[in-house]
PDB file of N, CA and C in Angstrom:
ATOM      1  N   MET A   1    -124.654 -52.872  26.613  1.00  0.00           N
ATOM      2  CA  MET A   1    -125.603 -51.967  25.986  1.00  0.00           C
ATOM      3  C   MET A   1    -127.020 -52.441  26.291  1.00  0.00           C
ATOM      4  N   ARG A   2    -127.809 -51.580  26.845  1.00  0.00           N
ATOM      5  CA  ARG A   2    -129.196 -51.895  27.203  1.00  0.00           C
ATOM      6  C   ARG A   2    -130.120 -51.580  26.028  1.00  0.00           C
ATOM      7  N   LEU A   3    -131.018 -52.496  25.738  1.00  0.00           N
ATOM      8  CA  LEU A   3    -132.004 -52.265  24.683  1.00  0.00           C
ATOM      9  C   LEU A   3    -133.045 -51.268  25.159  1.00  0.00           C
ATOM     10  N   ASP A   4    -133.497 -50.400  24.258  1.00  0.00           N
ATOM     11  CA  ASP A   4    -134.583 -49.489  24.624  1.00  0.00           C
ATOM     12  C   ASP A   4    -135.924 -50.191  24.391  1.00  0.00           C
ATOM     13  N   ALA A   5    -136.999 -49.540  24.778  1.00  0.00           N
ATOM     14  CA  ALA A   5    -138.334 -50.149  24.720  1.00  0.00           C
ATOM     15  C   ALA A   5    -138.699 -50.583  23.305  1.00  0.00           C
ATOM     16  N   GLU A   6    -138.360 -49.785  22.306  1.00  0.00           N
ATOM     17  CA  GLU A   6    -138.710 -50.134  20.929  1.00  0.00           C
ATOM     18  C   GLU A   6    -137.951 -51.370  20.466  1.00  0.00           C
ATOM     19  N   GLU A   7    -136.688 -51.509  20.872  1.00  0.00           N
ATOM     20  CA  GLU A   7    -135.903 -52.691  20.501  1.00  0.00           C
ATOM     21  C   GLU A   7    -136.436 -53.947  21.201  1.00  0.00           C
ATOM     22  N   ILE A   8    -136.822 -53.803  22.468  1.00  0.00           N
ATOM     23  CA  ILE A   8    -137.426 -54.927  23.186  1.00  0.00           C
ATOM     24  C   ILE A   8    -138.733 -55.311  22.504  1.00  0.00           C
ATOM     25  N   LEU A   9    -139.537 -54.330  22.148  1.00  0.00           N
ATOM     26  CA  LEU A   9    -140.801 -54.591  21.473  1.00  0.00           C
ATOM     27  C   LEU A   9    -140.565 -55.330  20.156  1.00  0.00           C
ATOM     28  N   ARG A  10    -139.605 -54.896  19.363  1.00  0.00           N
ATOM     29  CA  ARG A  10    -139.306 -55.564  18.092  1.00  0.00           C
ATOM     30  C   ARG A  10    -138.900 -57.014  18.318  1.00  0.00           C
ATOM     31  N   LEU A  11    -138.072 -57.262  19.332  1.00  0.00           N
ATOM     32  CA  LEU A  11    -137.649 -58.626  19.646  1.00  0.00           C
ATOM     33  C   LEU A  11    -138.860 -59.479  20.024  1.00  0.00           C
ATOM     34  N   VAL A  12    -139.714 -58.959  20.903  1.00  0.00           N
ATOM     35  CA  VAL A  12    -140.909 -59.691  21.345  1.00  0.00           C
ATOM     36  C   VAL A  12    -141.811 -59.999  20.159  1.00  0.00           C
ATOM     37  N   LEU A  13    -142.086 -59.012  19.327  1.00  0.00           N
ATOM     38  CA  LEU A  13    -142.981 -59.223  18.184  1.00  0.00           C
ATOM     39  C   LEU A  13    -142.394 -60.220  17.190  1.00  0.00           C
ATOM     40  N   ALA A  14    -141.081 -60.182  16.994  1.00  0.00           N
ATOM     41  CA  ALA A  14    -140.438 -61.147  16.093  1.00  0.00           C
ATOM     42  C   ALA A  14    -140.585 -62.569  16.634  1.00  0.00           C
ATOM     43  N   ARG A  15    -140.391 -62.739  17.938  1.00  0.00           N
ATOM     44  CA  ARG A  15    -140.525 -64.079  18.527  1.00  0.00           C
ATOM     45  C   ARG A  15    -141.968 -64.568  18.474  1.00  0.00           C
ATOM     46  N   LEU A  16    -142.925 -63.682  18.740  1.00  0.00           N
ATOM     47  CA  LEU A  16    -144.328 -64.068  18.642  1.00  0.00           C
ATOM     48  C   LEU A  16    -144.646 -64.540  17.226  1.00  0.00           C
ATOM     49  N   ASP A  17    -144.131 -63.824  16.238  1.00  0.00           N
ATOM     50  CA  ASP A  17    -144.343 -64.208  14.843  1.00  0.00           C
ATOM     51  C   ASP A  17    -143.662 -65.542  14.545  1.00  0.00           C
ATOM     52  N   ASP A  18    -142.406 -65.698  14.966  1.00  0.00           N
ATOM     53  CA  ASP A  18    -141.664 -66.950  14.756  1.00  0.00           C
ATOM     54  C   ASP A  18    -142.398 -68.147  15.347  1.00  0.00           C
ATOM     55  N   MET A  19    -143.004 -67.949  16.493  1.00  0.00           N
ATOM     56  CA  MET A  19    -143.651 -69.046  17.220  1.00  0.00           C
ATOM     57  C   MET A  19    -145.120 -69.216  16.832  1.00  0.00           C
ATOM     58  N   LYS A  20    -145.554 -68.481  15.807  1.00  0.00           N
ATOM     59  CA  LYS A  20    -146.925 -68.600  15.288  1.00  0.00           C
ATOM     60  C   LYS A  20    -147.992 -68.241  16.318  1.00  0.00           C
ATOM     61  N   ALA A  21    -147.685 -67.267  17.200  1.00  0.00           N
ATOM     62  CA  ALA A  21    -148.703 -66.737  18.106  1.00  0.00           C
ATOM     63  C   ALA A  21    -149.755 -66.029  17.253  1.00  0.00           C
ATOM     64  N   GLU A  22    -150.958 -65.920  17.784  1.00  0.00           N
ATOM     65  CA  GLU A  22    -152.074 -65.408  16.999  1.00  0.00           C
ATOM     66  C   GLU A  22    -152.663 -64.143  17.600  1.00  0.00           C
ATOM     67  N   ASP A  23    -153.264 -63.341  16.729  1.00  0.00           N
ATOM     68  CA  ASP A  23    -154.037 -62.160  17.132  1.00  0.00           C
ATOM     69  C   ASP A  23    -153.247 -61.241  18.069  1.00  0.00           C
ATOM     70  N   THR A  24    -152.034 -60.921  17.669  1.00  0.00           N
ATOM     71  CA  THR A  24    -151.154 -60.083  18.487  1.00  0.00           C
ATOM     72  C   THR A  24    -151.568 -58.623  18.398  1.00  0.00           C
ATOM     73  N   LEU A  25    -151.640 -57.995  19.549  1.00  0.00           N
ATOM     74  CA  LEU A  25    -152.030 -56.591  19.673  1.00  0.00           C
ATOM     75  C   LEU A  25    -150.954 -55.866  20.480  1.00  0.00           C
ATOM     76  N   THR A  26    -150.476 -54.742  19.969  1.00  0.00           N
ATOM     77  CA  THR A  26    -149.523 -53.901  20.694  1.00  0.00           C
ATOM     78  C   THR A  26    -150.253 -52.664  21.194  1.00  0.00           C
ATOM     79  N   ILE A  27    -150.090 -52.372  22.473  1.00  0.00           N
ATOM     80  CA  ILE A  27    -150.747 -51.222  23.097  1.00  0.00           C
ATOM     81  C   ILE A  27    -149.670 -50.251  23.557  1.00  0.00           C
ATOM     82  N   ASP A  28    -149.715 -49.037  23.045  1.00  0.00           N
ATOM     83  CA  ASP A  28    -148.761 -47.992  23.413  1.00  0.00           C
ATOM     84  C   ASP A  28    -149.211 -47.375  24.736  1.00  0.00           C
ATOM     85  N   LEU A  29    -148.410 -47.556  25.762  1.00  0.00           N
ATOM     86  CA  LEU A  29    -148.752 -47.058  27.099  1.00  0.00           C
ATOM     87  C   LEU A  29    -147.996 -45.791  27.480  1.00  0.00           C
ATOM     88  N   ARG A  30    -147.138 -45.292  26.625  1.00  0.00           N
ATOM     89  CA  ARG A  30    -146.218 -44.209  27.003  1.00  0.00           C
ATOM     90  C   ARG A  30    -146.894 -42.997  27.603  1.00  0.00           C
ATOM     91  N   ASP A  31    -148.033 -42.589  27.072  1.00  0.00           N
ATOM     92  CA  ASP A  31    -148.725 -41.415  27.615  1.00  0.00           C
ATOM     93  C   ASP A  31    -149.936 -41.804  28.450  1.00  0.00           C
ATOM     94  N   LYS A  32    -150.095 -43.102  28.730  1.00  0.00           N
ATOM     95  CA  LYS A  32    -151.301 -43.585  29.403  1.00  0.00           C
ATOM     96  C   LYS A  32    -151.048 -44.189  30.777  1.00  0.00           C
ATOM     97  N   SER A  33    -149.840 -44.723  31.003  1.00  0.00           N
ATOM     98  CA  SER A  33    -149.593 -45.461  32.234  1.00  0.00           C
ATOM     99  C   SER A  33    -148.110 -45.457  32.565  1.00  0.00           C
ATOM    100  N   SER A  34    -147.810 -45.655  33.829  1.00  0.00           N
ATOM    101  CA  SER A  34    -146.409 -45.715  34.257  1.00  0.00           C
ATOM    102  C   SER A  34    -145.920 -47.160  34.381  1.00  0.00           C
ATOM    103  N   ILE A  35    -146.753 -48.154  34.043  1.00  0.00           N
ATOM    104  CA  ILE A  35    -146.326 -49.549  34.208  1.00  0.00           C
ATOM    105  C   ILE A  35    -145.327 -49.987  33.151  1.00  0.00           C
ATOM    106  N   GLY A  36    -145.249 -49.290  32.051  1.00  0.00           N
ATOM    107  CA  GLY A  36    -144.322 -49.625  30.981  1.00  0.00           C
ATOM    108  C   GLY A  36    -144.613 -48.766  29.777  1.00  0.00           C
ATOM    109  N   ASP A  37    -143.822 -48.971  28.728  1.00  0.00           N
ATOM    110  CA  ASP A  37    -144.026 -48.217  27.493  1.00  0.00           C
ATOM    111  C   ASP A  37    -144.991 -48.924  26.542  1.00  0.00           C
ATOM    112  N   TYR A  38    -144.932 -50.272  26.545  1.00  0.00           N
ATOM    113  CA  TYR A  38    -145.790 -51.045  25.653  1.00  0.00           C
ATOM    114  C   TYR A  38    -146.339 -52.264  26.373  1.00  0.00           C
ATOM    115  N   MET A  39    -147.554 -52.648  25.967  1.00  0.00           N
ATOM    116  CA  MET A  39    -148.136 -53.908  26.390  1.00  0.00           C
ATOM    117  C   MET A  39    -148.443 -54.683  25.116  1.00  0.00           C
ATOM    118  N   VAL A  40    -148.069 -55.950  25.119  1.00  0.00           N
ATOM    119  CA  VAL A  40    -148.349 -56.820  23.984  1.00  0.00           C
ATOM    120  C   VAL A  40    -149.268 -57.928  24.477  1.00  0.00           C
ATOM    121  N   VAL A  41    -150.364 -58.141  23.751  1.00  0.00           N
ATOM    122  CA  VAL A  41    -151.320 -59.192  24.082  1.00  0.00           C
ATOM    123  C   VAL A  41    -151.387 -60.117  22.878  1.00  0.00           C
ATOM    124  N   SER A  42    -151.241 -61.432  23.126  1.00  0.00           N
ATOM    125  CA  SER A  42    -151.238 -62.394  22.041  1.00  0.00           C
ATOM    126  C   SER A  42    -151.851 -63.695  22.514  1.00  0.00           C
ATOM    127  N   SER A  43    -152.159 -64.578  21.576  1.00  0.00           N
ATOM    128  CA  SER A  43    -152.768 -65.859  21.916  1.00  0.00           C
ATOM    129  C   SER A  43    -151.944 -67.020  21.378  1.00  0.00           C
ATOM    130  N   GLY A  44    -151.967 -68.101  22.155  1.00  0.00           N
ATOM    131  CA  GLY A  44    -151.434 -69.386  21.709  1.00  0.00           C
ATOM    132  C   GLY A  44    -152.607 -70.336  21.555  1.00  0.00           C
ATOM    133  N   ARG A  45    -152.418 -71.393  20.790  1.00  0.00           N
ATOM    134  CA  ARG A  45    -153.521 -72.305  20.476  1.00  0.00           C
ATOM    135  C   ARG A  45    -153.871 -73.268  21.606  1.00  0.00           C
ATOM    136  N   SER A  46    -152.941 -73.506  22.517  1.00  0.00           N
ATOM    137  CA  SER A  46    -153.137 -74.471  23.599  1.00  0.00           C
ATOM    138  C   SER A  46    -152.229 -74.089  24.762  1.00  0.00           C
ATOM    139  N   ASN A  47    -152.387 -74.762  25.893  1.00  0.00           N
ATOM    140  CA  ASN A  47    -151.500 -74.509  27.029  1.00  0.00           C
ATOM    141  C   ASN A  47    -150.042 -74.735  26.628  1.00  0.00           C
ATOM    142  N   ARG A  48    -149.805 -75.808  25.916  1.00  0.00           N
ATOM    143  CA  ARG A  48    -148.427 -76.121  25.484  1.00  0.00           C
ATOM    144  C   ARG A  48    -147.885 -75.024  24.574  1.00  0.00           C
ATOM    145  N   HIS A  49    -148.706 -74.541  23.636  1.00  0.00           N
ATOM    146  CA  HIS A  49    -148.258 -73.485  22.732  1.00  0.00           C
ATOM    147  C   HIS A  49    -147.989 -72.194  23.500  1.00  0.00           C
ATOM    148  N   VAL A  50    -148.881 -71.826  24.423  1.00  0.00           N
ATOM    149  CA  VAL A  50    -148.675 -70.628  25.255  1.00  0.00           C
ATOM    150  C   VAL A  50    -147.349 -70.744  25.999  1.00  0.00           C
ATOM    151  N   GLY A  51    -147.092 -71.898  26.621  1.00  0.00           N
ATOM    152  CA  GLY A  51    -145.852 -72.102  27.363  1.00  0.00           C
ATOM    153  C   GLY A  51    -144.623 -72.026  26.477  1.00  0.00           C
ATOM    154  N   SER A  52    -144.694 -72.617  25.297  1.00  0.00           N
ATOM    155  CA  SER A  52    -143.562 -72.587  24.362  1.00  0.00           C
ATOM    156  C   SER A  52    -143.266 -71.176  23.875  1.00  0.00           C
ATOM    157  N   VAL A  53    -144.324 -70.438  23.550  1.00  0.00           N
ATOM    158  CA  VAL A  53    -144.158 -69.044  23.107  1.00  0.00           C
ATOM    159  C   VAL A  53    -143.499 -68.229  24.217  1.00  0.00           C
ATOM    160  N   ALA A  54    -144.024 -68.351  25.429  1.00  0.00           N
ATOM    161  CA  ALA A  54    -143.478 -67.593  26.563  1.00  0.00           C
ATOM    162  C   ALA A  54    -142.023 -67.972  26.832  1.00  0.00           C
ATOM    163  N   ASP A  55    -141.722 -69.270  26.812  1.00  0.00           N
ATOM    164  CA  ASP A  55    -140.340 -69.718  27.042  1.00  0.00           C
ATOM    165  C   ASP A  55    -139.383 -69.114  26.032  1.00  0.00           C
ATOM    166  N   ARG A  56    -139.785 -69.096  24.772  1.00  0.00           N
ATOM    167  CA  ARG A  56    -138.915 -68.570  23.712  1.00  0.00           C
ATOM    168  C   ARG A  56    -138.685 -67.071  23.882  1.00  0.00           C
ATOM    169  N   ILE A  57    -139.734 -66.339  24.237  1.00  0.00           N
ATOM    170  CA  ILE A  57    -139.590 -64.900  24.454  1.00  0.00           C
ATOM    171  C   ILE A  57    -138.642 -64.638  25.614  1.00  0.00           C
ATOM    172  N   VAL A  58    -138.842 -65.330  26.726  1.00  0.00           N
ATOM    173  CA  VAL A  58    -137.992 -65.141  27.908  1.00  0.00           C
ATOM    174  C   VAL A  58    -136.540 -65.500  27.586  1.00  0.00           C
ATOM    175  N   GLU A  59    -136.342 -66.613  26.895  1.00  0.00           N
ATOM    176  CA  GLU A  59    -134.987 -67.036  26.520  1.00  0.00           C
ATOM    177  C   GLU A  59    -134.287 -65.972  25.679  1.00  0.00           C
ATOM    178  N   ASP A  60    -134.986 -65.444  24.680  1.00  0.00           N
ATOM    179  CA  ASP A  60    -134.378 -64.434  23.807  1.00  0.00           C
ATOM    180  C   ASP A  60    -134.156 -63.109  24.529  1.00  0.00           C
ATOM    181  N   LEU A  61    -135.063 -62.741  25.424  1.00  0.00           N
ATOM    182  CA  LEU A  61    -134.855 -61.526  26.217  1.00  0.00           C
ATOM    183  C   LEU A  61    -133.631 -61.680  27.116  1.00  0.00           C
ATOM    184  N   HIS A  62    -133.481 -62.837  27.739  1.00  0.00           N
ATOM    185  CA  HIS A  62    -132.310 -63.073  28.592  1.00  0.00           C
ATOM    186  C   HIS A  62    -131.016 -63.026  27.779  1.00  0.00           C
ATOM    187  N   LYS A  63    -131.030 -63.608  26.579  1.00  0.00           N
ATOM    188  CA  LYS A  63    -129.853 -63.549  25.695  1.00  0.00           C
ATOM    189  C   LYS A  63    -129.490 -62.108  25.356  1.00  0.00           C
ATOM    190  N   ALA A  64    -130.504 -61.241  25.300  1.00  0.00           N
ATOM    191  CA  ALA A  64    -130.280 -59.824  24.984  1.00  0.00           C
ATOM    192  C   ALA A  64    -129.950 -59.010  26.236  1.00  0.00           C
ATOM    193  N   GLY A  65    -129.880 -59.675  27.391  1.00  0.00           N
ATOM    194  CA  GLY A  65    -129.521 -58.987  28.622  1.00  0.00           C
ATOM    195  C   GLY A  65    -130.690 -58.336  29.342  1.00  0.00           C
ATOM    196  N   ILE A  66    -131.907 -58.726  29.001  1.00  0.00           N
ATOM    197  CA  ILE A  66    -133.100 -58.136  29.614  1.00  0.00           C
ATOM    198  C   ILE A  66    -133.600 -59.070  30.714  1.00  0.00           C
ATOM    199  N   ALA A  67    -133.665 -58.555  31.935  1.00  0.00           N
ATOM    200  CA  ALA A  67    -134.206 -59.326  33.056  1.00  0.00           C
ATOM    201  C   ALA A  67    -135.729 -59.365  32.923  1.00  0.00           C
ATOM    202  N   THR A  68    -136.308 -60.503  33.272  1.00  0.00           N
ATOM    203  CA  THR A  68    -137.756 -60.645  33.189  1.00  0.00           C
ATOM    204  C   THR A  68    -138.308 -61.233  34.470  1.00  0.00           C
ATOM    205  N   ARG A  69    -139.583 -60.971  34.694  1.00  0.00           N
ATOM    206  CA  ARG A  69    -140.359 -61.667  35.723  1.00  0.00           C
ATOM    207  C   ARG A  69    -141.485 -62.367  34.976  1.00  0.00           C
ATOM    208  N   VAL A  70    -141.744 -63.601  35.347  1.00  0.00           N
ATOM    209  CA  VAL A  70    -142.737 -64.398  34.627  1.00  0.00           C
ATOM    210  C   VAL A  70    -143.740 -64.953  35.620  1.00  0.00           C
ATOM    211  N   GLU A  71    -145.015 -64.871  35.269  1.00  0.00           N
ATOM    212  CA  GLU A  71    -146.084 -65.453  36.072  1.00  0.00           C
ATOM    213  C   GLU A  71    -146.979 -66.268  35.156  1.00  0.00           C
ATOM    214  N   GLY A  72    -147.597 -67.316  35.717  1.00  0.00           N
ATOM    215  CA  GLY A  72    -148.546 -68.116  34.959  1.00  0.00           C
ATOM    216  C   GLY A  72    -148.053 -69.482  34.549  1.00  0.00           C
ATOM    217  N   VAL A  73    -146.792 -69.766  34.816  1.00  0.00           N
ATOM    218  CA  VAL A  73    -146.229 -71.072  34.512  1.00  0.00           C
ATOM    219  C   VAL A  73    -146.349 -71.896  35.789  1.00  0.00           C
ATOM    220  N   PRO A  74    -146.715 -73.132  35.818  1.00  0.00           N
ATOM    221  CA  PRO A  74    -146.732 -74.106  34.725  1.00  0.00           C
ATOM    222  C   PRO A  74    -148.090 -74.284  34.061  1.00  0.00           C
ATOM    223  N   HIS A  75    -149.153 -73.631  34.534  1.00  0.00           N
ATOM    224  CA  HIS A  75    -150.484 -73.883  33.969  1.00  0.00           C
ATOM    225  C   HIS A  75    -150.615 -73.403  32.532  1.00  0.00           C
ATOM    226  N   CYS A  76    -150.049 -72.256  32.241  1.00  0.00           N
ATOM    227  CA  CYS A  76    -149.984 -71.711  30.884  1.00  0.00           C
ATOM    228  C   CYS A  76    -151.341 -71.418  30.245  1.00  0.00           C
ATOM    229  N   ASP A  77    -152.342 -71.097  31.072  1.00  0.00           N
ATOM    230  CA  ASP A  77    -153.579 -70.539  30.516  1.00  0.00           C
ATOM    231  C   ASP A  77    -153.324 -69.106  30.090  1.00  0.00           C
ATOM    232  N   TRP A  78    -152.486 -68.426  30.881  1.00  0.00           N
ATOM    233  CA  TRP A  78    -152.148 -67.025  30.657  1.00  0.00           C
ATOM    234  C   TRP A  78    -150.772 -66.812  31.275  1.00  0.00           C
ATOM    235  N   VAL A  79    -149.812 -66.440  30.461  1.00  0.00           N
ATOM    236  CA  VAL A  79    -148.467 -66.174  30.962  1.00  0.00           C
ATOM    237  C   VAL A  79    -148.181 -64.688  30.806  1.00  0.00           C
ATOM    238  N   LEU A  80    -147.721 -64.099  31.886  1.00  0.00           N
ATOM    239  CA  LEU A  80    -147.328 -62.691  31.917  1.00  0.00           C
ATOM    240  C   LEU A  80    -145.813 -62.627  31.957  1.00  0.00           C
ATOM    241  N   ILE A  81    -145.236 -61.853  31.051  1.00  0.00           N
ATOM    242  CA  ILE A  81    -143.794 -61.620  31.023  1.00  0.00           C
ATOM    243  C   ILE A  81    -143.581 -60.129  31.212  1.00  0.00           C
ATOM    244  N   ASP A  82    -142.940 -59.770  32.310  1.00  0.00           N
ATOM    245  CA  ASP A  82    -142.630 -58.373  32.597  1.00  0.00           C
ATOM    246  C   ASP A  82    -141.174 -58.148  32.232  1.00  0.00           C
ATOM    247  N   ALA A  83    -140.953 -57.431  31.137  1.00  0.00           N
ATOM    248  CA  ALA A  83    -139.601 -57.119  30.677  1.00  0.00           C
ATOM    249  C   ALA A  83    -139.283 -55.649  30.938  1.00  0.00           C
ATOM    250  N   GLY A  84    -139.880 -55.094  31.970  1.00  0.00           N
ATOM    251  CA  GLY A  84    -139.631 -53.697  32.329  1.00  0.00           C
ATOM    252  C   GLY A  84    -140.452 -52.751  31.480  1.00  0.00           C
ATOM    253  N   ASP A  85    -139.883 -52.301  30.382  1.00  0.00           N
ATOM    254  CA  ASP A  85    -140.567 -51.342  29.507  1.00  0.00           C
ATOM    255  C   ASP A  85    -141.655 -51.987  28.654  1.00  0.00           C
ATOM    256  N   VAL A  86    -141.607 -53.309  28.533  1.00  0.00           N
ATOM    257  CA  VAL A  86    -142.580 -54.035  27.713  1.00  0.00           C
ATOM    258  C   VAL A  86    -143.183 -55.155  28.556  1.00  0.00           C
ATOM    259  N   ILE A  87    -144.512 -55.161  28.623  1.00  0.00           N
ATOM    260  CA  ILE A  87    -145.260 -56.190  29.335  1.00  0.00           C
ATOM    261  C   ILE A  87    -145.911 -57.076  28.274  1.00  0.00           C
ATOM    262  N   VAL A  88    -145.735 -58.397  28.394  1.00  0.00           N
ATOM    263  CA  VAL A  88    -146.263 -59.327  27.401  1.00  0.00           C
ATOM    264  C   VAL A  88    -147.249 -60.270  28.077  1.00  0.00           C
ATOM    265  N   HIS A  89    -148.427 -60.421  27.475  1.00  0.00           N
ATOM    266  CA  HIS A  89    -149.437 -61.371  27.935  1.00  0.00           C
ATOM    267  C   HIS A  89    -149.659 -62.372  26.807  1.00  0.00           C
ATOM    268  N   VAL A  90    -149.509 -63.661  27.107  1.00  0.00           N
ATOM    269  CA  VAL A  90    -149.807 -64.708  26.134  1.00  0.00           C
ATOM    270  C   VAL A  90    -150.915 -65.570  26.735  1.00  0.00           C
ATOM    271  N   PHE A  91    -152.036 -65.642  26.058  1.00  0.00           N
ATOM    272  CA  PHE A  91    -153.235 -66.318  26.549  1.00  0.00           C
ATOM    273  C   PHE A  91    -153.613 -67.517  25.682  1.00  0.00           C
ATOM    274  N   ARG A  92    -154.338 -68.459  26.269  1.00  0.00           N
ATOM    275  CA  ARG A  92    -155.160 -69.359  25.472  1.00  0.00           C
ATOM    276  C   ARG A  92    -156.351 -68.527  25.028  1.00  0.00           C
ATOM    277  N   PRO A  93    -156.900 -68.751  23.833  1.00  0.00           N
ATOM    278  CA  PRO A  93    -157.982 -67.888  23.320  1.00  0.00           C
ATOM    279  C   PRO A  93    -159.175 -67.761  24.258  1.00  0.00           C
ATOM    280  N   GLU A  94    -159.599 -68.851  24.878  1.00  0.00           N
ATOM    281  CA  GLU A  94    -160.772 -68.791  25.753  1.00  0.00           C
ATOM    282  C   GLU A  94    -160.514 -67.916  26.977  1.00  0.00           C
ATOM    283  N   VAL A  95    -159.298 -67.991  27.494  1.00  0.00           N
ATOM    284  CA  VAL A  95    -158.923 -67.197  28.668  1.00  0.00           C
ATOM    285  C   VAL A  95    -158.820 -65.730  28.276  1.00  0.00           C
ATOM    286  N   ARG A  96    -158.264 -65.462  27.102  1.00  0.00           N
ATOM    287  CA  ARG A  96    -158.175 -64.082  26.613  1.00  0.00           C
ATOM    288  C   ARG A  96    -159.573 -63.488  26.443  1.00  0.00           C
ATOM    289  N   ASP A  97    -160.485 -64.265  25.857  1.00  0.00           N
ATOM    290  CA  ASP A  97    -161.856 -63.782  25.685  1.00  0.00           C
ATOM    291  C   ASP A  97    -162.511 -63.491  27.034  1.00  0.00           C
ATOM    292  N   PHE A  98    -162.267 -64.357  28.008  1.00  0.00           N
ATOM    293  CA  PHE A  98    -162.863 -64.187  29.328  1.00  0.00           C
ATOM    294  C   PHE A  98    -162.395 -62.896  29.998  1.00  0.00           C
ATOM    295  N   TYR A  99    -161.079 -62.682  30.020  1.00  0.00           N
ATOM    296  CA  TYR A  99    -160.536 -61.494  30.691  1.00  0.00           C
ATOM    297  C   TYR A  99    -160.653 -60.230  29.846  1.00  0.00           C
ATOM    298  N   ASN A 100    -160.612 -60.380  28.522  1.00  0.00           N
ATOM    299  CA  ASN A 100    -160.757 -59.249  27.602  1.00  0.00           C
ATOM    300  C   ASN A 100    -159.902 -58.060  28.045  1.00  0.00           C
ATOM    301  N   LEU A 101    -158.656 -58.350  28.334  1.00  0.00           N
ATOM    302  CA  LEU A 101    -157.715 -57.371  28.876  1.00  0.00           C
ATOM    303  C   LEU A 101    -157.602 -56.106  28.025  1.00  0.00           C
ATOM    304  N   GLU A 102    -157.645 -56.270  26.730  1.00  0.00           N
ATOM    305  CA  GLU A 102    -157.429 -55.116  25.847  1.00  0.00           C
ATOM    306  C   GLU A 102    -158.665 -54.251  25.645  1.00  0.00           C
ATOM    307  N   ARG A 103    -159.809 -54.608  26.230  1.00  0.00           N
ATOM    308  CA  ARG A 103    -161.053 -53.864  25.980  1.00  0.00           C
ATOM    309  C   ARG A 103    -160.921 -52.378  26.305  1.00  0.00           C
ATOM    310  N   MET A 104    -160.151 -52.045  27.311  1.00  0.00           N
ATOM    311  CA  MET A 104    -160.040 -50.628  27.683  1.00  0.00           C
ATOM    312  C   MET A 104    -159.202 -49.828  26.690  1.00  0.00           C
ATOM    313  N   TRP A 105    -158.449 -50.521  25.822  1.00  0.00           N
ATOM    314  CA  TRP A 105    -157.564 -49.821  24.897  1.00  0.00           C
ATOM    315  C   TRP A 105    -158.083 -49.802  23.467  1.00  0.00           C
ATOM    316  N   LEU A 106    -158.944 -50.728  23.093  1.00  0.00           N
ATOM    317  CA  LEU A 106    -159.311 -50.874  21.682  1.00  0.00           C
ATOM    318  C   LEU A 106    -160.030 -49.672  21.097  1.00  0.00           C
ATOM    319  N   GLY A 107    -160.718 -48.891  21.891  1.00  0.00           N
ATOM    320  CA  GLY A 107    -161.420 -47.723  21.371  1.00  0.00           C
ATOM    321  C   GLY A 107    -160.524 -46.528  21.155  1.00  0.00           C
ATOM    322  N   SER A 108    -159.272 -46.647  21.589  1.00  0.00           N
ATOM    323  CA  SER A 108    -158.368 -45.496  21.495  1.00  0.00           C
ATOM    324  C   SER A 108    -157.339 -45.713  20.396  1.00  0.00           C
ATOM    325  N   ARG A 109    -156.558 -44.714  20.157  1.00  0.00           N
ATOM    326  CA  ARG A 109    -155.503 -44.807  19.155  1.00  0.00           C
ATOM    327  C   ARG A 109    -154.242 -45.441  19.714  1.00  0.00           C
ATOM    328  N   THR A 110    -154.281 -45.951  20.957  1.00  0.00           N
ATOM    329  CA  THR A 110    -153.083 -46.505  21.568  1.00  0.00           C
ATOM    330  C   THR A 110    -152.907 -47.983  21.267  1.00  0.00           C
ATOM    331  N   ALA A 111    -153.878 -48.614  20.608  1.00  0.00           N
ATOM    332  CA  ALA A 111    -153.775 -50.040  20.308  1.00  0.00           C
ATOM    333  C   ALA A 111    -153.625 -50.231  18.807  1.00  0.00           C
ATOM    334  N   ARG A 112    -152.790 -51.200  18.421  1.00  0.00           N
ATOM    335  CA  ARG A 112    -152.650 -51.532  17.007  1.00  0.00           C
ATOM    336  C   ARG A 112    -152.364 -53.023  16.867  1.00  0.00           C
ATOM    337  N   ARG A 113    -152.932 -53.612  15.864  1.00  0.00           N
ATOM    338  CA  ARG A 113    -152.701 -55.030  15.579  1.00  0.00           C
ATOM    339  C   ARG A 113    -151.330 -55.174  14.924  1.00  0.00           C
ATOM    340  N   ALA A 114    -150.682 -56.276  15.243  1.00  0.00           N
ATOM    341  CA  ALA A 114    -149.398 -56.568  14.592  1.00  0.00           C
ATOM    342  C   ALA A 114    -149.661 -56.893  13.137  1.00  0.00           C
ATOM    343  N   SER A 115    -148.707 -56.538  12.282  1.00  0.00           N
ATOM    344  CA  SER A 115    -148.900 -56.859  10.869  1.00  0.00           C
ATOM    345  C   SER A 115    -148.156 -58.094  10.490  1.00  0.00           C
TER     346      SER A 115
END
């Protein structure tokens, strides 16, 4: 049984919460882009924290049968996890501020902070 985008998103958000990731933002891409249904942007406190968060997400996605592509390891300033329908970015705060990836979405109704 393949998980749908909403189930993958729930798994990702639960792991981010479990791993104490910070300032998580979910961006709904369904009517905006063909790269996926959701983009999740979050921060870790350090390179080690970013790497640990990313490892846990990838491990849990694999356990659920979701293939992933990962970029940004071993440096872990910014790790990208492509889970098909859900794209996850985990940044160190300074790197996130520099790239400001979510700036194009924050003015629209397609972005929401995790609760």
